[in-house]
Amino acid sequence: MSKDLFSRYIWIVDTIKRYGRISRKELNRRWRNSPFSNGENLPRRTFYNYRMAIEELFRITIECDQTTFEYYINDEDIHNESVTNWLLNSVVTNNVLSDSRKVSERIFLEDIPSARDHMGTVMDALKELRPLTFSYAPFSRTSAREVTLEPYFLKLFRQRWYITGRNVKEDTLKTYALDRMSDVTVGPEQFEIPADFNAEEFCRDSFGVVFTQGETKRVVIRTDTRQAKYLRNLPLHQSQKEMVHDKFSIFQYQIKLTPDFVSELLSYGTGIVVLEPPELRAMMLTSLRETLELYNQHA
């Protein structure tokens, strides 16, 4: 597939997503102003072919409302929508940066080394339902150990890719960072993911990549108006709800209490205060006291 044709698909999807619903006439007008049209209309047959290709390539369905004759993207599957948005953002960013070599020294990006080291091998195992065998050296250990894993799902968090699945030897679900792996190979045999396992439900009440069987708690935090704007724009968790007041906001979550969630809340400093539950307040206070003690020891 040519880069130009791929870019046309991206343009169509991005345009429809940005406008929510758009008529064929308006889409055609914007197409004529795009860099792909040479000022000409988008033929109906060509548009139909593009729609079919987009659905096959991105699993994005462009539908037409027969009442208003407007086109829109069917995004009923929230998870597929998030994957699609991430893919589109990556492709659009890549296209823009490819045409911006002259200012490359003024563009700063975050590196994700695990994506280029083992992503291809891990994706093959995911697609083919084959076990992964690799040497793993977590930061908490000085030596590596061999792991055989039946991969269930992949997750990106804090510029690191993580794979979660069944550790064959221990017969338990575990999560591993791709950038701590080495000597990664895919086994010849296939496995089956348990019929009662749902990755969406497994991750739903967790923050980051620490998955526990602990109880989901109702978390309530208070923020100043400035911090509220950040959380409003980039929610901490999908369960986030906000109650706006004149000088502050109250945010509520349904989430499990894990060390990485506590670390995230601590990173906001004086911008937030945990109101509920009591055990989370205790975890926050313990961490703050230990930090203060550490500084007092090195005063």
Foldseek 3Di string as FASTA:
>chain_A
DDPLLVVVLLVLQVVQVVVQKAALVRSQVVVLVDPNAVNDGQDPVNVVVSQVVCCVPLVWHWDADPVVRIIHIDPPPVVSVVVSVVVSVVVVVVVVVVVVVVCVVVDDDDAQVLCPPCVVQVVVCQVQQWWKWWWFDDPVDDGTDIWIFRFDDWDDDPSWIKTWGAGVVVRDIDIGTSVRTDPIHTDDDHDDDDPPDDPCVQCQQEFDRDGDPDAWDKWKKKFFPVVVVVCVVPPRHPQWDWDDDDGIIMIIGGHDDDPVVLVVVVVCPPGMDTDDDPVSNVVNVVVVVVVVVVVVVVD
